Protein backbone atom coordinates (compact mmCIF):
# COMPACT_ATOMS: atom_id res chain seq x y z
CA MET A 1 -263.99 -132.01 -106.04
CA THR A 2 -261.03 -133.24 -107.03
CA GLY A 3 -258.40 -132.47 -109.60
CA PRO A 4 -254.47 -132.82 -109.85
CA TYR A 5 -253.45 -129.05 -107.92
CA VAL A 6 -256.68 -129.38 -105.34
CA LEU A 7 -255.97 -129.90 -101.89
CA ASN A 8 -258.55 -130.58 -99.15
CA VAL A 9 -257.14 -128.90 -96.30
CA SER A 10 -257.70 -129.38 -92.26
CA GLU A 11 -256.83 -127.14 -89.61
CA PRO A 12 -253.55 -129.65 -88.68
CA THR A 13 -252.59 -130.21 -91.88
CA PHE A 14 -253.03 -125.86 -92.68
CA GLN A 15 -249.38 -125.18 -92.48
CA THR A 16 -247.96 -127.62 -94.39
CA ASP A 17 -250.17 -127.76 -97.37
CA VAL A 18 -250.88 -123.70 -97.15
CA ILE A 19 -248.13 -121.93 -95.72
CA GLU A 20 -245.43 -123.64 -96.70
CA ARG A 21 -246.23 -124.61 -99.70
CA SER A 22 -246.82 -120.95 -100.45
CA VAL A 23 -243.10 -119.87 -100.33
CA GLN A 24 -242.50 -121.86 -103.95
CA HIS A 25 -245.58 -121.23 -105.38
CA PRO A 26 -249.18 -119.08 -105.14
CA VAL A 27 -251.77 -121.05 -102.75
CA VAL A 28 -255.09 -120.16 -103.29
CA VAL A 29 -257.26 -120.97 -100.38
CA GLU A 30 -261.10 -121.67 -100.52
CA PHE A 31 -263.31 -121.30 -97.92
CA TRP A 32 -266.87 -123.61 -98.81
CA SER A 33 -269.78 -125.23 -97.08
CA PRO A 34 -271.76 -127.81 -98.72
CA ARG A 35 -274.92 -126.37 -97.22
CA SER A 36 -273.84 -122.79 -99.78
CA GLU A 37 -275.02 -122.93 -103.44
CA ALA A 38 -272.87 -120.46 -103.68
CA SER A 39 -270.05 -122.74 -102.63
CA VAL A 40 -271.26 -125.58 -105.01
CA ALA A 41 -271.11 -123.69 -107.78
CA LEU A 42 -267.93 -122.02 -107.48
CA SER A 43 -265.91 -124.90 -106.26
CA PRO A 44 -266.13 -126.61 -109.86
CA VAL A 45 -264.75 -123.05 -111.28
CA LEU A 46 -261.71 -123.09 -109.51
CA ALA A 47 -261.03 -126.71 -109.97
CA ARG A 48 -261.01 -126.26 -113.61
CA LEU A 49 -258.85 -123.21 -113.55
CA SER A 50 -256.34 -124.65 -111.26
CA THR A 51 -255.95 -127.65 -113.86
CA GLU A 52 -256.24 -125.41 -116.74
CA TYR A 53 -253.14 -123.13 -115.39
CA ASP A 54 -251.14 -126.50 -114.70
CA GLY A 55 -249.20 -125.58 -111.17
CA LYS A 56 -249.26 -121.68 -111.46
CA PHE A 57 -251.46 -122.61 -108.07
CA VAL A 58 -252.30 -124.99 -105.80
CA LEU A 59 -256.30 -125.08 -104.72
CA ALA A 60 -256.38 -125.72 -101.04
CA ARG A 61 -260.34 -125.97 -100.08
CA VAL A 62 -261.40 -125.57 -96.51
CA ASP A 63 -264.65 -126.89 -95.49
CA VAL A 64 -265.70 -124.40 -92.94
CA ASP A 65 -268.38 -126.52 -90.93
CA ALA A 66 -265.30 -129.67 -90.38
CA ASN A 67 -262.80 -126.54 -89.77
CA PRO A 68 -264.37 -123.87 -87.33
CA GLN A 69 -261.79 -122.47 -85.86
CA LEU A 70 -259.30 -122.12 -88.97
CA ALA A 71 -262.22 -120.24 -90.42
CA GLN A 72 -262.42 -118.10 -87.40
CA ALA A 73 -258.83 -117.27 -87.21
CA VAL A 74 -258.84 -116.15 -91.00
CA GLY A 75 -262.35 -114.13 -90.16
CA VAL A 76 -264.03 -115.95 -92.57
CA GLN A 77 -267.68 -113.96 -92.35
CA SER A 78 -269.95 -115.31 -95.38
CA ILE A 79 -268.99 -118.22 -97.83
CA PRO A 80 -267.31 -118.99 -100.53
CA LEU A 81 -264.44 -116.51 -99.55
CA VAL A 82 -261.42 -116.88 -101.53
CA ILE A 83 -258.12 -115.73 -100.43
CA ALA A 84 -254.48 -116.70 -101.69
CA VAL A 85 -251.48 -117.12 -99.54
CA LEU A 86 -247.81 -115.99 -100.69
CA ARG A 87 -244.68 -116.65 -98.85
CA GLY A 88 -247.11 -116.91 -95.86
CA GLN A 89 -248.72 -113.61 -96.50
CA VAL A 90 -252.64 -113.22 -97.02
CA VAL A 91 -253.41 -111.53 -100.60
CA PRO A 92 -257.13 -111.05 -100.21
CA LEU A 93 -258.84 -112.07 -103.46
CA PHE A 94 -263.23 -112.53 -103.39
CA GLN A 95 -265.97 -113.39 -102.11
CA GLY A 96 -269.43 -114.68 -103.53
CA ALA A 97 -269.50 -117.19 -106.29
CA LEU A 98 -268.14 -115.88 -109.55
CA GLY A 99 -268.00 -117.00 -112.91
CA GLU A 100 -265.12 -118.33 -114.82
CA PRO A 101 -263.62 -115.29 -116.69
CA GLU A 102 -263.77 -113.00 -113.22
CA ALA A 103 -261.91 -115.45 -111.80
CA ARG A 104 -259.53 -116.20 -113.76
CA GLN A 105 -258.61 -112.04 -113.70
CA TYR A 106 -258.18 -112.32 -110.15
CA LEU A 107 -256.14 -115.00 -110.35
CA ASP A 108 -253.97 -113.27 -113.26
CA GLN A 109 -253.72 -110.69 -110.53
CA LEU A 110 -252.29 -112.42 -108.35
CA PHE A 111 -249.55 -114.09 -110.46
CA THR A 112 -248.68 -110.57 -111.55
CA VAL A 113 -248.37 -110.20 -107.18
CA ALA A 114 -246.50 -113.58 -107.17
CA VAL A 115 -243.97 -112.75 -109.53
CA ALA A 116 -242.91 -109.25 -108.47
CA ASN A 117 -242.39 -111.05 -105.09
CA GLY A 118 -240.35 -113.78 -106.76
CA ILE A 119 -242.87 -116.34 -106.52
CA THR A 120 -242.29 -118.23 -109.70
CA GLY A 121 -242.58 -121.71 -109.15
CA ARG A 122 -244.77 -124.42 -110.21
CA ALA A 123 -246.68 -126.78 -108.57
CA GLU A 124 -246.52 -130.47 -108.77
CA PRO A 125 -249.77 -132.83 -109.09
CA VAL A 126 -250.99 -133.08 -105.42
CA GLY A 127 -253.90 -135.08 -106.39
CA PRO A 128 -255.96 -137.44 -109.25
CA ALA A 129 -257.08 -136.10 -112.39
CA ALA A 130 -260.96 -135.00 -111.88
CA PRO A 131 -263.26 -137.64 -114.18
CA GLY A 132 -262.61 -136.89 -117.43
CA ASP A 133 -259.12 -135.21 -117.33
CA GLU A 134 -257.27 -137.75 -118.24
CA ALA A 135 -257.07 -137.41 -121.56
CA ALA A 136 -257.14 -133.55 -121.45
CA GLU A 137 -254.00 -132.09 -121.34
CA PRO A 138 -254.32 -128.12 -121.01
CA GLU A 139 -254.28 -125.75 -124.02
CA VAL A 140 -251.22 -124.12 -124.19
CA ASP A 141 -251.13 -120.73 -126.42
CA PRO A 142 -247.35 -121.53 -128.40
CA ARG A 143 -247.75 -117.35 -128.91
CA TYR A 144 -247.43 -116.78 -125.53
CA GLU A 145 -244.81 -119.49 -124.34
CA ALA A 146 -241.60 -117.03 -125.13
CA ALA A 147 -243.20 -114.41 -122.73
CA GLU A 148 -244.45 -116.61 -120.07
CA ASP A 149 -240.99 -118.70 -120.11
CA ALA A 150 -239.27 -115.13 -119.31
CA VAL A 151 -241.58 -114.67 -116.63
CA ALA A 152 -240.93 -117.75 -115.05
CA ALA A 153 -237.32 -117.22 -115.30
CA GLY A 154 -237.57 -113.50 -113.76
CA ASP A 155 -236.67 -112.02 -117.09
CA LEU A 156 -239.18 -109.10 -117.16
CA ASP A 157 -237.14 -107.31 -120.18
CA GLY A 158 -237.33 -110.32 -121.99
CA ALA A 159 -241.09 -110.80 -121.16
CA ILE A 160 -241.65 -107.41 -122.12
CA ALA A 161 -240.12 -107.86 -125.56
CA ALA A 162 -241.60 -110.52 -126.52
CA TYR A 163 -245.23 -109.01 -125.55
CA GLU A 164 -243.70 -106.24 -127.40
CA ALA A 165 -243.49 -108.14 -130.44
CA LEU A 166 -247.01 -109.89 -130.58
CA ILE A 167 -248.73 -106.60 -130.36
CA ARG A 168 -246.69 -105.33 -133.11
CA GLU A 169 -247.61 -109.16 -135.23
CA THR A 170 -251.30 -108.30 -133.92
CA PRO A 171 -252.47 -105.26 -132.49
CA ALA A 172 -255.50 -106.32 -131.02
CA ASP A 173 -254.38 -109.43 -129.13
CA ALA A 174 -255.66 -108.39 -126.06
CA GLU A 175 -254.35 -111.12 -123.95
CA ALA A 176 -250.70 -110.08 -125.23
CA LYS A 177 -251.53 -106.30 -124.10
CA ALA A 178 -252.43 -107.16 -120.38
CA GLY A 179 -249.79 -109.98 -119.96
CA LEU A 180 -247.56 -106.51 -120.88
CA ALA A 181 -249.38 -104.04 -118.55
CA ARG A 182 -248.83 -106.67 -115.69
CA VAL A 183 -245.33 -107.14 -116.70
CA GLN A 184 -244.77 -103.45 -116.94
CA LEU A 185 -246.13 -103.25 -113.20
CA VAL A 186 -244.04 -105.37 -111.82
CA LYS A 187 -241.38 -103.83 -113.14
CA ARG A 188 -242.59 -100.64 -112.03
CA THR A 189 -242.59 -101.94 -108.68
CA ARG A 190 -239.51 -103.21 -107.98
CA ASP A 191 -236.84 -101.13 -105.75
CA VAL A 192 -239.60 -98.52 -104.95
CA PRO A 193 -238.34 -96.08 -102.70
CA ALA A 194 -239.97 -96.23 -99.16
CA GLU A 195 -240.76 -92.87 -98.59
CA VAL A 196 -242.54 -92.76 -101.78
CA ARG A 197 -246.17 -92.78 -100.03
CA THR A 198 -245.28 -89.90 -97.60
CA ARG A 199 -243.95 -88.11 -100.82
CA ALA A 200 -247.46 -88.35 -102.33
CA THR A 201 -248.97 -87.41 -99.98
CA GLU A 202 -247.02 -84.39 -98.87
CA HIS A 203 -246.97 -83.28 -102.57
CA PRO A 204 -250.32 -84.07 -104.33
CA GLU A 205 -248.28 -82.26 -107.34
CA ASP A 206 -245.60 -85.04 -107.38
CA ILE A 207 -247.31 -86.80 -110.56
CA GLU A 208 -244.47 -88.96 -110.38
CA ALA A 209 -244.90 -90.21 -106.70
CA GLN A 210 -248.82 -90.52 -107.61
CA LEU A 211 -248.19 -92.85 -110.16
CA LEU A 212 -245.77 -95.27 -108.25
CA VAL A 213 -248.14 -95.17 -105.39
CA ALA A 214 -250.91 -96.25 -107.41
CA ASP A 215 -248.65 -99.27 -108.71
CA VAL A 216 -247.85 -100.67 -105.19
CA ASP A 217 -251.68 -100.20 -104.40
CA LEU A 218 -252.79 -102.64 -107.36
CA MET A 219 -249.85 -104.38 -106.64
CA GLY A 220 -251.13 -104.80 -103.07
CA GLY A 221 -254.62 -105.98 -104.30
CA HIS A 222 -256.10 -102.36 -103.30
CA VAL A 223 -257.36 -101.91 -106.63
CA GLU A 224 -260.41 -99.35 -105.61
CA ASP A 225 -257.75 -97.42 -104.31
CA ALA A 226 -255.09 -97.45 -107.17
CA PHE A 227 -257.83 -96.12 -109.01
CA ALA A 228 -259.40 -93.15 -107.12
CA ARG A 229 -255.62 -91.73 -106.35
CA LEU A 230 -254.88 -91.53 -110.26
CA ILE A 231 -258.73 -90.11 -110.92
CA ARG A 232 -258.10 -87.62 -108.51
CA THR A 233 -254.47 -86.83 -109.57
CA ILE A 234 -256.40 -86.45 -113.63
CA GLN A 235 -259.37 -83.86 -111.71
CA ALA A 236 -255.98 -81.70 -110.23
CA THR A 237 -253.74 -81.73 -113.34
CA ALA A 238 -254.17 -80.48 -117.15
CA GLY A 239 -252.18 -80.76 -120.23
CA ASP A 240 -249.68 -83.57 -120.95
CA GLU A 241 -249.60 -84.29 -117.23
CA ARG A 242 -253.25 -85.21 -117.03
CA ASN A 243 -252.52 -86.92 -120.47
CA THR A 244 -249.95 -89.18 -118.85
CA VAL A 245 -252.15 -90.16 -115.18
CA ARG A 246 -254.82 -90.87 -118.19
CA LEU A 247 -252.63 -93.71 -119.99
CA HIS A 248 -251.25 -94.91 -117.04
CA LEU A 249 -254.61 -95.61 -115.72
CA LEU A 250 -255.85 -97.28 -118.77
CA GLU A 251 -252.54 -99.22 -118.56
CA LEU A 252 -253.83 -100.47 -114.82
CA PHE A 253 -257.43 -100.87 -116.15
CA GLU A 254 -255.76 -103.38 -119.04
CA VAL A 255 -253.69 -105.39 -115.86
CA VAL A 256 -257.45 -105.70 -113.53
CA GLY A 257 -259.33 -106.95 -116.74
CA GLY A 258 -261.41 -104.50 -118.87
CA ASP A 259 -264.72 -106.79 -117.76
CA ASP A 260 -264.07 -106.40 -113.62
CA GLU A 261 -266.91 -104.49 -111.96
CA ARG A 262 -264.30 -101.88 -110.54
CA VAL A 263 -262.72 -101.13 -113.77
CA ILE A 264 -265.97 -100.65 -115.30
CA ARG A 265 -266.84 -97.90 -112.47
CA ALA A 266 -263.63 -96.39 -112.82
CA ARG A 267 -264.28 -95.65 -116.37
CA LYS A 268 -267.33 -93.89 -115.81
CA GLN A 269 -265.05 -92.04 -113.05
CA LEU A 270 -262.73 -91.18 -115.03
CA MET A 271 -265.33 -89.95 -118.12
CA THR A 272 -266.92 -87.64 -115.58
CA ALA A 273 -263.32 -86.24 -114.46
CA LEU A 274 -262.38 -85.66 -118.11
CA PHE A 275 -265.51 -84.08 -119.02
């Protein structure tokens, strides 16, 4: 599998190709095997997305048959397994073969986490273009350029303003709504007090603490924990407080993506909690 942002990584090159690169931009690591039909199905999906995202991440592919010690060190139990690395820290993504829309949702969540950690760089091409890609430039929708440029520059207020302008112009713009929700999440989770989780545990009636911990959990990839916390809070509140939590949960649904199975399950749980 080739592509301008695809690397085949081995045990000797993992430190350089993954850990060191992850300081500047996200590295998505795909543990795969040519013996696995699911791996063979997923690999071209990830390679296409790495080209489409044009340097927002590098795809590092690890053949577990050729690198068993590396797979064991990471704790790979089944393949394909996809993780990300940011500043040398592992961020779990998903396991098993996914279609392109689902994989894209996980990547968008990863970029939200990356921005929150000050990782906004773009990778330079590391490999040859895949066959047929030489003449194909990534399609960039100019409507979102101002917002995306602001995010890359760390200007969250500017990105929020750009997304809000897009939504005023086109209220049904799902991509702008999701982008706005992601940037607002990043802004809220900057400088979160260290004691907020203790506050939330000791004072379940503290709505602000519950919302903040849910945000932090989502940023850390603990999506279901974030949803469950807010649904429990909805069950324990009423009136304006309940509506505040409900709206916050809906915003987190936008971040994760409406087609995500975790969102679909949580929507059902939300309906049960409300009615």
